[in-house]
PDB file of N, CA and C in Angstrom:
ATOM      1  N   UNK A   1      44.447 -42.487  47.660  1.00  0.00           N
ATOM      2  CA  UNK A   1      43.066 -42.303  47.300  1.00  0.00           C
ATOM      3  C   UNK A   1      42.198 -42.551  48.529  1.00  0.00           C
ATOM      4  N   UNK A   2      41.319 -41.648  48.813  1.00  0.00           N
ATOM      5  CA  UNK A   2      40.483 -41.748  50.011  1.00  0.00           C
ATOM      6  C   UNK A   2      39.338 -42.724  49.771  1.00  0.00           C
ATOM      7  N   UNK A   3      39.025 -43.449  50.826  1.00  0.00           N
ATOM      8  CA  UNK A   3      37.890 -44.364  50.754  1.00  0.00           C
ATOM      9  C   UNK A   3      36.602 -43.566  50.824  1.00  0.00           C
ATOM     10  N   UNK A   4      35.541 -44.176  50.292  1.00  0.00           N
ATOM     11  CA  UNK A   4      34.230 -43.549  50.396  1.00  0.00           C
ATOM     12  C   UNK A   4      33.808 -43.537  51.851  1.00  0.00           C
ATOM     13  N   UNK A   5      33.150 -42.467  52.285  1.00  0.00           N
ATOM     14  CA  UNK A   5      32.649 -42.479  53.654  1.00  0.00           C
ATOM     15  C   UNK A   5      31.575 -43.549  53.782  1.00  0.00           C
ATOM     16  N   UNK A   6      31.586 -44.266  54.873  1.00  0.00           N
ATOM     17  CA  UNK A   6      30.584 -45.296  55.091  1.00  0.00           C
ATOM     18  C   UNK A   6      29.619 -44.843  56.167  1.00  0.00           C
ATOM     19  N   UNK A   7      28.473 -45.442  56.141  1.00  0.00           N
ATOM     20  CA  UNK A   7      27.472 -45.156  57.159  1.00  0.00           C
ATOM     21  C   UNK A   7      27.476 -46.304  58.150  1.00  0.00           C
ATOM     22  N   UNK A   8      27.988 -46.078  59.338  1.00  0.00           N
ATOM     23  CA  UNK A   8      27.982 -47.156  60.315  1.00  0.00           C
ATOM     24  C   UNK A   8      26.548 -47.533  60.679  1.00  0.00           C
ATOM     25  N   UNK A   9      26.376 -48.767  61.067  1.00  0.00           N
ATOM     26  CA  UNK A   9      25.084 -49.279  61.522  1.00  0.00           C
ATOM     27  C   UNK A   9      24.044 -49.385  60.416  1.00  0.00           C
ATOM     28  N   UNK A  10      24.462 -49.357  59.163  1.00  0.00           N
ATOM     29  CA  UNK A  10      23.504 -49.535  58.084  1.00  0.00           C
ATOM     30  C   UNK A  10      23.861 -50.781  57.300  1.00  0.00           C
ATOM     31  N   UNK A  11      22.926 -51.690  57.229  1.00  0.00           N
ATOM     32  CA  UNK A  11      23.144 -52.921  56.496  1.00  0.00           C
ATOM     33  C   UNK A  11      22.857 -52.687  55.012  1.00  0.00           C
ATOM     34  N   UNK A  12      23.203 -53.664  54.219  1.00  0.00           N
ATOM     35  CA  UNK A  12      22.904 -53.606  52.785  1.00  0.00           C
ATOM     36  C   UNK A  12      21.392 -53.534  52.593  1.00  0.00           C
ATOM     37  N   UNK A  13      20.657 -54.268  53.410  1.00  0.00           N
ATOM     38  CA  UNK A  13      19.197 -54.244  53.334  1.00  0.00           C
ATOM     39  C   UNK A  13      18.663 -52.829  53.550  1.00  0.00           C
ATOM     40  N   UNK A  14      19.196 -52.137  54.532  1.00  0.00           N
ATOM     41  CA  UNK A  14      18.766 -50.766  54.807  1.00  0.00           C
ATOM     42  C   UNK A  14      19.054 -49.870  53.618  1.00  0.00           C
ATOM     43  N   UNK A  15      20.234 -50.004  53.040  1.00  0.00           N
ATOM     44  CA  UNK A  15      20.590 -49.171  51.888  1.00  0.00           C
ATOM     45  C   UNK A  15      19.700 -49.461  50.689  1.00  0.00           C
ATOM     46  N   UNK A  16      19.374 -50.724  50.452  1.00  0.00           N
ATOM     47  CA  UNK A  16      18.501 -51.071  49.326  1.00  0.00           C
ATOM     48  C   UNK A  16      17.088 -50.530  49.533  1.00  0.00           C
ATOM     49  N   UNK A  17      16.563 -50.713  50.739  1.00  0.00           N
ATOM     50  CA  UNK A  17      15.218 -50.209  51.033  1.00  0.00           C
ATOM     51  C   UNK A  17      15.210 -48.681  50.948  1.00  0.00           C
ATOM     52  N   UNK A  18      16.240 -48.051  51.477  1.00  0.00           N
ATOM     53  CA  UNK A  18      16.345 -46.590  51.440  1.00  0.00           C
ATOM     54  C   UNK A  18      16.371 -46.082  50.006  1.00  0.00           C
ATOM     55  N   UNK A  19      17.164 -46.710  49.168  1.00  0.00           N
ATOM     56  CA  UNK A  19      17.269 -46.284  47.768  1.00  0.00           C
ATOM     57  C   UNK A  19      15.937 -46.431  47.047  1.00  0.00           C
ATOM     58  N   UNK A  20      15.303 -47.582  47.214  1.00  0.00           N
ATOM     59  CA  UNK A  20      14.014 -47.814  46.552  1.00  0.00           C
ATOM     60  C   UNK A  20      12.950 -46.838  47.057  1.00  0.00           C
ATOM     61  N   UNK A  21      12.900 -46.636  48.356  1.00  0.00           N
ATOM     62  CA  UNK A  21      11.900 -45.733  48.933  1.00  0.00           C
ATOM     63  C   UNK A  21      12.137 -44.288  48.499  1.00  0.00           C
ATOM     64  N   UNK A  22      13.403 -43.885  48.447  1.00  0.00           N
ATOM     65  CA  UNK A  22      13.730 -42.516  48.039  1.00  0.00           C
ATOM     66  C   UNK A  22      13.351 -42.277  46.585  1.00  0.00           C
ATOM     67  N   UNK A  23      13.668 -43.223  45.716  1.00  0.00           N
ATOM     68  CA  UNK A  23      13.315 -43.078  44.299  1.00  0.00           C
ATOM     69  C   UNK A  23      11.802 -43.033  44.113  1.00  0.00           C
ATOM     70  N   UNK A  24      11.093 -43.909  44.804  1.00  0.00           N
ATOM     71  CA  UNK A  24       9.635 -43.925  44.699  1.00  0.00           C
ATOM     72  C   UNK A  24       9.030 -42.626  45.232  1.00  0.00           C
ATOM     73  N   UNK A  25       9.541 -42.141  46.342  1.00  0.00           N
ATOM     74  CA  UNK A  25       9.019 -40.897  46.926  1.00  0.00           C
ATOM     75  C   UNK A  25       9.281 -39.708  46.005  1.00  0.00           C
ATOM     76  N   UNK A  26      10.472 -39.646  45.423  1.00  0.00           N
ATOM     77  CA  UNK A  26      10.793 -38.539  44.511  1.00  0.00           C
ATOM     78  C   UNK A  26       9.890 -38.575  43.279  1.00  0.00           C
ATOM     79  N   UNK A  27       9.673 -39.767  42.734  1.00  0.00           N
ATOM     80  CA  UNK A  27       8.789 -39.891  41.567  1.00  0.00           C
ATOM     81  C   UNK A  27       7.380 -39.450  41.931  1.00  0.00           C
ATOM     82  N   UNK A  28       6.889 -39.907  43.092  1.00  0.00           N
ATOM     83  CA  UNK A  28       5.542 -39.547  43.524  1.00  0.00           C
ATOM     84  C   UNK A  28       5.401 -38.039  43.698  1.00  0.00           C
ATOM     85  N   UNK A  29       6.383 -37.405  44.315  1.00  0.00           N
ATOM     86  CA  UNK A  29       6.336 -35.955  44.529  1.00  0.00           C
ATOM     87  C   UNK A  29       6.330 -35.221  43.186  1.00  0.00           C
ATOM     88  N   UNK A  30       7.170 -35.656  42.260  1.00  0.00           N
ATOM     89  CA  UNK A  30       7.205 -35.017  40.928  1.00  0.00           C
ATOM     90  C   UNK A  30       5.823 -35.085  40.273  1.00  0.00           C
ATOM     91  N   UNK A  31       5.207 -36.256  40.341  1.00  0.00           N
ATOM     92  CA  UNK A  31       3.881 -36.424  39.746  1.00  0.00           C
ATOM     93  C   UNK A  31       2.839 -35.563  40.453  1.00  0.00           C
ATOM     94  N   UNK A  32       2.891 -35.537  41.779  1.00  0.00           N
ATOM     95  CA  UNK A  32       1.921 -34.751  42.544  1.00  0.00           C
ATOM     96  C   UNK A  32       2.067 -33.260  42.267  1.00  0.00           C
ATOM     97  N   UNK A  33       3.305 -32.764  42.211  1.00  0.00           N
ATOM     98  CA  UNK A  33       3.535 -31.345  41.921  1.00  0.00           C
ATOM     99  C   UNK A  33       3.044 -31.022  40.511  1.00  0.00           C
ATOM    100  N   UNK A  34       3.318 -31.901  39.574  1.00  0.00           N
ATOM    101  CA  UNK A  34       2.870 -31.659  38.195  1.00  0.00           C
ATOM    102  C   UNK A  34       1.345 -31.584  38.113  1.00  0.00           C
ATOM    103  N   UNK A  35       0.652 -32.504  38.786  1.00  0.00           N
ATOM    104  CA  UNK A  35      -0.814 -32.496  38.763  1.00  0.00           C
ATOM    105  C   UNK A  35      -1.382 -31.265  39.480  1.00  0.00           C
ATOM    106  N   UNK A  36      -0.812 -30.917  40.620  1.00  0.00           N
ATOM    107  CA  UNK A  36      -1.289 -29.748  41.361  1.00  0.00           C
ATOM    108  C   UNK A  36      -1.036 -28.469  40.575  1.00  0.00           C
ATOM    109  N   UNK A  37       0.139 -28.378  39.954  1.00  0.00           N
ATOM    110  CA  UNK A  37       0.477 -27.193  39.158  1.00  0.00           C
ATOM    111  C   UNK A  37      -0.483 -27.062  37.988  1.00  0.00           C
ATOM    112  N   UNK A  38      -0.747 -28.189  37.347  1.00  0.00           N
ATOM    113  CA  UNK A  38      -1.655 -28.177  36.193  1.00  0.00           C
ATOM    114  C   UNK A  38      -3.069 -27.763  36.611  1.00  0.00           C
ATOM    115  N   UNK A  39      -3.513 -28.231  37.780  1.00  0.00           N
ATOM    116  CA  UNK A  39      -4.841 -27.869  38.270  1.00  0.00           C
ATOM    117  C   UNK A  39      -4.912 -26.384  38.629  1.00  0.00           C
ATOM    118  N   UNK A  40      -3.845 -25.864  39.219  1.00  0.00           N
ATOM    119  CA  UNK A  40      -3.844 -24.468  39.673  1.00  0.00           C
ATOM    120  C   UNK A  40      -3.556 -23.486  38.545  1.00  0.00           C
ATOM    121  N   UNK A  41      -2.644 -23.831  37.644  1.00  0.00           N
ATOM    122  CA  UNK A  41      -2.183 -22.886  36.621  1.00  0.00           C
ATOM    123  C   UNK A  41      -2.703 -23.198  35.213  1.00  0.00           C
ATOM    124  N   UNK A  42      -3.258 -24.389  35.033  1.00  0.00           N
ATOM    125  CA  UNK A  42      -3.798 -24.747  33.723  1.00  0.00           C
ATOM    126  C   UNK A  42      -2.771 -25.341  32.768  1.00  0.00           C
ATOM    127  N   UNK A  43      -1.552 -25.533  33.230  1.00  0.00           N
ATOM    128  CA  UNK A  43      -0.504 -26.144  32.401  1.00  0.00           C
ATOM    129  C   UNK A  43       0.525 -26.799  33.310  1.00  0.00           C
ATOM    130  N   UNK A  44       1.370 -27.629  32.712  1.00  0.00           N
ATOM    131  CA  UNK A  44       2.411 -28.298  33.500  1.00  0.00           C
ATOM    132  C   UNK A  44       3.442 -27.282  33.969  1.00  0.00           C
ATOM    133  N   UNK A  45       4.177 -27.598  35.035  1.00  0.00           N
ATOM    134  CA  UNK A  45       5.226 -26.679  35.489  1.00  0.00           C
ATOM    135  C   UNK A  45       6.299 -26.513  34.410  1.00  0.00           C
ATOM    136  N   UNK A  46       6.922 -25.342  34.341  1.00  0.00           N
ATOM    137  CA  UNK A  46       7.953 -25.137  33.320  1.00  0.00           C
ATOM    138  C   UNK A  46       9.162 -26.038  33.567  1.00  0.00           C
ATOM    139  N   UNK A  47       9.785 -26.439  32.478  1.00  0.00           N
ATOM    140  CA  UNK A  47      10.980 -27.276  32.565  1.00  0.00           C
ATOM    141  C   UNK A  47      12.211 -26.385  32.541  1.00  0.00           C
ATOM    142  N   UNK A  48      13.207 -26.754  33.308  1.00  0.00           N
ATOM    143  CA  UNK A  48      14.436 -25.965  33.401  1.00  0.00           C
ATOM    144  C   UNK A  48      15.211 -25.956  32.090  1.00  0.00           C
ATOM    145  N   UNK A  49      15.095 -27.039  31.320  1.00  0.00           N
ATOM    146  CA  UNK A  49      15.877 -27.150  30.085  1.00  0.00           C
ATOM    147  C   UNK A  49      15.201 -26.502  28.877  1.00  0.00           C
ATOM    148  N   UNK A  50      14.063 -25.835  29.092  1.00  0.00           N
ATOM    149  CA  UNK A  50      13.361 -25.177  27.999  1.00  0.00           C
ATOM    150  C   UNK A  50      13.112 -23.719  28.363  1.00  0.00           C
ATOM    151  N   UNK A  51      13.969 -22.786  27.900  1.00  0.00           N
ATOM    152  CA  UNK A  51      13.822 -21.376  28.300  1.00  0.00           C
ATOM    153  C   UNK A  51      12.541 -20.712  27.790  1.00  0.00           C
ATOM    154  N   UNK A  52      11.887 -21.291  26.811  1.00  0.00           N
ATOM    155  CA  UNK A  52      10.641 -20.700  26.318  1.00  0.00           C
ATOM    156  C   UNK A  52       9.419 -21.227  27.069  1.00  0.00           C
ATOM    157  N   UNK A  53       9.652 -22.100  28.028  1.00  0.00           N
ATOM    158  CA  UNK A  53       8.570 -22.729  28.775  1.00  0.00           C
ATOM    159  C   UNK A  53       8.304 -21.959  30.069  1.00  0.00           C
ATOM    160  N   UNK A  54       7.590 -20.859  29.979  1.00  0.00           N
ATOM    161  CA  UNK A  54       7.268 -20.054  31.154  1.00  0.00           C
ATOM    162  C   UNK A  54       8.383 -19.077  31.495  1.00  0.00           C
ATOM    163  N   UNK A  55       8.083 -18.163  32.396  1.00  0.00           N
ATOM    164  CA  UNK A  55       9.065 -17.172  32.805  1.00  0.00           C
ATOM    165  C   UNK A  55       9.993 -17.692  33.882  1.00  0.00           C
ATOM    166  N   UNK A  56      11.007 -16.891  34.177  1.00  0.00           N
ATOM    167  CA  UNK A  56      11.999 -17.278  35.169  1.00  0.00           C
ATOM    168  C   UNK A  56      11.375 -17.418  36.562  1.00  0.00           C
ATOM    169  N   UNK A  57      10.496 -16.493  36.940  1.00  0.00           N
ATOM    170  CA  UNK A  57       9.864 -16.565  38.258  1.00  0.00           C
ATOM    171  C   UNK A  57       9.055 -17.851  38.420  1.00  0.00           C
ATOM    172  N   UNK A  58       8.331 -18.190  37.388  1.00  0.00           N
ATOM    173  CA  UNK A  58       7.517 -19.402  37.447  1.00  0.00           C
ATOM    174  C   UNK A  58       8.410 -20.647  37.515  1.00  0.00           C
ATOM    175  N   UNK A  59       9.485 -20.654  36.754  1.00  0.00           N
ATOM    176  CA  UNK A  59      10.414 -21.791  36.772  1.00  0.00           C
ATOM    177  C   UNK A  59      11.078 -21.923  38.142  1.00  0.00           C
ATOM    178  N   UNK A  60      11.477 -20.796  38.743  1.00  0.00           N
ATOM    179  CA  UNK A  60      12.091 -20.830  40.072  1.00  0.00           C
ATOM    180  C   UNK A  60      11.089 -21.279  41.133  1.00  0.00           C
ATOM    181  N   UNK A  61       9.849 -20.842  41.021  1.00  0.00           N
ATOM    182  CA  UNK A  61       8.819 -21.268  41.976  1.00  0.00           C
ATOM    183  C   UNK A  61       8.584 -22.771  41.868  1.00  0.00           C
ATOM    184  N   UNK A  62       8.496 -23.280  40.659  1.00  0.00           N
ATOM    185  CA  UNK A  62       8.291 -24.719  40.464  1.00  0.00           C
ATOM    186  C   UNK A  62       9.476 -25.505  41.015  1.00  0.00           C
ATOM    187  N   UNK A  63      10.684 -25.024  40.778  1.00  0.00           N
ATOM    188  CA  UNK A  63      11.885 -25.709  41.273  1.00  0.00           C
ATOM    189  C   UNK A  63      11.940 -25.685  42.800  1.00  0.00           C
ATOM    190  N   UNK A  64      11.596 -24.558  43.402  1.00  0.00           N
ATOM    191  CA  UNK A  64      11.632 -24.445  44.863  1.00  0.00           C
ATOM    192  C   UNK A  64      10.602 -25.370  45.512  1.00  0.00           C
ATOM    193  N   UNK A  65       9.410 -25.390  44.974  1.00  0.00           N
ATOM    194  CA  UNK A  65       8.353 -26.243  45.523  1.00  0.00           C
ATOM    195  C   UNK A  65       8.739 -27.713  45.379  1.00  0.00           C
ATOM    196  N   UNK A  66       9.165 -28.077  44.180  1.00  0.00           N
ATOM    197  CA  UNK A  66       9.538 -29.472  43.932  1.00  0.00           C
ATOM    198  C   UNK A  66      10.726 -29.877  44.798  1.00  0.00           C
ATOM    199  N   UNK A  67      11.736 -29.026  44.880  1.00  0.00           N
ATOM    200  CA  UNK A  67      12.923 -29.339  45.671  1.00  0.00           C
ATOM    201  C   UNK A  67      12.609 -29.520  47.144  1.00  0.00           C
ATOM    202  N   UNK A  68      11.782 -28.638  47.686  1.00  0.00           N
ATOM    203  CA  UNK A  68      11.423 -28.741  49.101  1.00  0.00           C
ATOM    204  C   UNK A  68      10.647 -30.027  49.381  1.00  0.00           C
ATOM    205  N   UNK A  69       9.706 -30.344  48.512  1.00  0.00           N
ATOM    206  CA  UNK A  69       8.906 -31.549  48.729  1.00  0.00           C
ATOM    207  C   UNK A  69       9.711 -32.828  48.512  1.00  0.00           C
ATOM    208  N   UNK A  70      10.603 -32.830  47.530  1.00  0.00           N
ATOM    209  CA  UNK A  70      11.453 -33.998  47.314  1.00  0.00           C
ATOM    210  C   UNK A  70      12.392 -34.182  48.508  1.00  0.00           C
ATOM    211  N   UNK A  71      12.941 -33.089  49.024  1.00  0.00           N
ATOM    212  CA  UNK A  71      13.809 -33.173  50.202  1.00  0.00           C
ATOM    213  C   UNK A  71      13.077 -33.726  51.409  1.00  0.00           C
ATOM    214  N   UNK A  72      11.874 -33.252  51.632  1.00  0.00           N
ATOM    215  CA  UNK A  72      11.078 -33.740  52.765  1.00  0.00           C
ATOM    216  C   UNK A  72      10.713 -35.211  52.572  1.00  0.00           C
ATOM    217  N   UNK A  73      10.361 -35.586  51.353  1.00  0.00           N
ATOM    218  CA  UNK A  73      10.000 -36.983  51.108  1.00  0.00           C
ATOM    219  C   UNK A  73      11.206 -37.896  51.283  1.00  0.00           C
ATOM    220  N   UNK A  74      12.381 -37.398  50.960  1.00  0.00           N
ATOM    221  CA  UNK A  74      13.601 -38.194  51.129  1.00  0.00           C
ATOM    222  C   UNK A  74      13.878 -38.466  52.610  1.00  0.00           C
ATOM    223  N   UNK A  75      13.690 -37.450  53.436  1.00  0.00           N
ATOM    224  CA  UNK A  75      13.872 -37.632  54.881  1.00  0.00           C
ATOM    225  C   UNK A  75      12.889 -38.679  55.401  1.00  0.00           C
ATOM    226  N   UNK A  76      11.637 -38.549  55.013  1.00  0.00           N
ATOM    227  CA  UNK A  76      10.625 -39.499  55.477  1.00  0.00           C
ATOM    228  C   UNK A  76      10.907 -40.908  54.956  1.00  0.00           C
ATOM    229  N   UNK A  77      11.308 -41.020  53.685  1.00  0.00           N
ATOM    230  CA  UNK A  77      11.610 -42.332  53.113  1.00  0.00           C
ATOM    231  C   UNK A  77      12.803 -42.975  53.802  1.00  0.00           C
ATOM    232  N   UNK A  78      13.837 -42.194  54.077  1.00  0.00           N
ATOM    233  CA  UNK A  78      15.027 -42.736  54.735  1.00  0.00           C
ATOM    234  C   UNK A  78      14.702 -43.208  56.140  1.00  0.00           C
ATOM    235  N   UNK A  79      13.971 -42.410  56.881  1.00  0.00           N
ATOM    236  CA  UNK A  79      13.609 -42.816  58.246  1.00  0.00           C
ATOM    237  C   UNK A  79      12.718 -44.053  58.246  1.00  0.00           C
ATOM    238  N   UNK A  80      11.800 -44.109  57.296  1.00  0.00           N
ATOM    239  CA  UNK A  80      10.951 -45.294  57.187  1.00  0.00           C
ATOM    240  C   UNK A  80      11.760 -46.523  56.804  1.00  0.00           C
ATOM    241  N   UNK A  81      12.720 -46.355  55.906  1.00  0.00           N
ATOM    242  CA  UNK A  81      13.559 -47.480  55.482  1.00  0.00           C
ATOM    243  C   UNK A  81      14.386 -48.008  56.640  1.00  0.00           C
ATOM    244  N   UNK A  82      14.924 -47.124  57.434  1.00  0.00           N
ATOM    245  CA  UNK A  82      15.713 -47.550  58.593  1.00  0.00           C
ATOM    246  C   UNK A  82      14.827 -48.310  59.582  1.00  0.00           C
ATOM    247  N   UNK A  83      13.615 -47.829  59.784  1.00  0.00           N
ATOM    248  CA  UNK A  83      12.694 -48.490  60.707  1.00  0.00           C
ATOM    249  C   UNK A  83      12.315 -49.887  60.191  1.00  0.00           C
ATOM    250  N   UNK A  84      11.969 -49.985  58.903  1.00  0.00           N
ATOM    251  CA  UNK A  84      11.582 -51.276  58.329  1.00  0.00           C
ATOM    252  C   UNK A  84      12.751 -52.248  58.350  1.00  0.00           C
ATOM    253  N   UNK A  85      13.924 -51.792  57.945  1.00  0.00           N
ATOM    254  CA  UNK A  85      15.095 -52.665  57.938  1.00  0.00           C
ATOM    255  C   UNK A  85      15.434 -53.127  59.353  1.00  0.00           C
ATOM    256  N   UNK A  86      15.265 -52.267  60.336  1.00  0.00           N
ATOM    257  CA  UNK A  86      15.510 -52.642  61.723  1.00  0.00           C
ATOM    258  C   UNK A  86      14.556 -53.741  62.183  1.00  0.00           C
ATOM    259  N   UNK A  87      13.296 -53.628  61.780  1.00  0.00           N
ATOM    260  CA  UNK A  87      12.324 -54.649  62.136  1.00  0.00           C
ATOM    261  C   UNK A  87      12.678 -55.982  61.482  1.00  0.00           C
ATOM    262  N   UNK A  88      13.091 -55.942  60.215  1.00  0.00           N
ATOM    263  CA  UNK A  88      13.476 -57.159  59.506  1.00  0.00           C
ATOM    264  C   UNK A  88      14.705 -57.780  60.163  1.00  0.00           C
ATOM    265  N   UNK A  89      15.678 -56.951  60.493  1.00  0.00           N
ATOM    266  CA  UNK A  89      16.904 -57.452  61.123  1.00  0.00           C
ATOM    267  C   UNK A  89      16.601 -58.085  62.485  1.00  0.00           C
ATOM    268  N   UNK A  90      15.719 -57.472  63.260  1.00  0.00           N
ATOM    269  CA  UNK A  90      15.360 -58.023  64.569  1.00  0.00           C
ATOM    270  C   UNK A  90      14.676 -59.384  64.417  1.00  0.00           C
ATOM    271  N   UNK A  91      13.776 -59.492  63.436  1.00  0.00           N
ATOM    272  CA  UNK A  91      13.103 -60.775  63.202  1.00  0.00           C
ATOM    273  C   UNK A  91      14.101 -61.824  62.741  1.00  0.00           C
ATOM    274  N   UNK A  92      15.035 -61.422  61.909  1.00  0.00           N
ATOM    275  CA  UNK A  92      16.016 -62.358  61.388  1.00  0.00           C
ATOM    276  C   UNK A  92      16.947 -62.852  62.496  1.00  0.00           C
ATOM    277  N   UNK A  93      17.404 -61.947  63.339  1.00  0.00           N
ATOM    278  CA  UNK A  93      18.321 -62.349  64.401  1.00  0.00           C
ATOM    279  C   UNK A  93      17.603 -63.141  65.496  1.00  0.00           C
ATOM    280  N   UNK A  94      16.311 -62.917  65.644  1.00  0.00           N
ATOM    281  CA  UNK A  94      15.532 -63.671  66.618  1.00  0.00           C
ATOM    282  C   UNK A  94      15.484 -65.144  66.211  1.00  0.00           C
ATOM    283  N   UNK A  95      15.441 -65.397  64.913  1.00  0.00           N
ATOM    284  CA  UNK A  95      15.380 -66.774  64.401  1.00  0.00           C
ATOM    285  C   UNK A  95      16.748 -67.450  64.509  1.00  0.00           C
ATOM    286  N   UNK A  96      17.812 -66.683  64.572  1.00  0.00           N
ATOM    287  CA  UNK A  96      19.149 -67.246  64.642  1.00  0.00           C
ATOM    288  C   UNK A  96      19.529 -67.676  66.047  1.00  0.00           C
ATOM    289  N   UNK A  97      18.798 -67.213  67.033  1.00  0.00           N
ATOM    290  CA  UNK A  97      19.132 -67.527  68.436  1.00  0.00           C
ATOM    291  C   UNK A  97      18.723 -68.900  68.824  1.00  0.00           C
TER     292      UNK A  97
END
């Protein structure tokens, strides 16, 4: 059985901050897209699990916009988490010297 791939140079703190930041960013993007869609189109974006909720083109457009923004927010959240965790680790190791 193969071991899970690990990320070298990432502490548990980095992974926890990354996970929390990614979840928060994804939630924020979902809310922002929903509000913007509602303002522009007059209704919430169509849901993928409801075939009567808008047409296929509209559902694909909503999915593409949401997916792109969630992906971008994940990159930003991960980079920010690594930066914050690095600062915390540096402060912590400075106190150990």
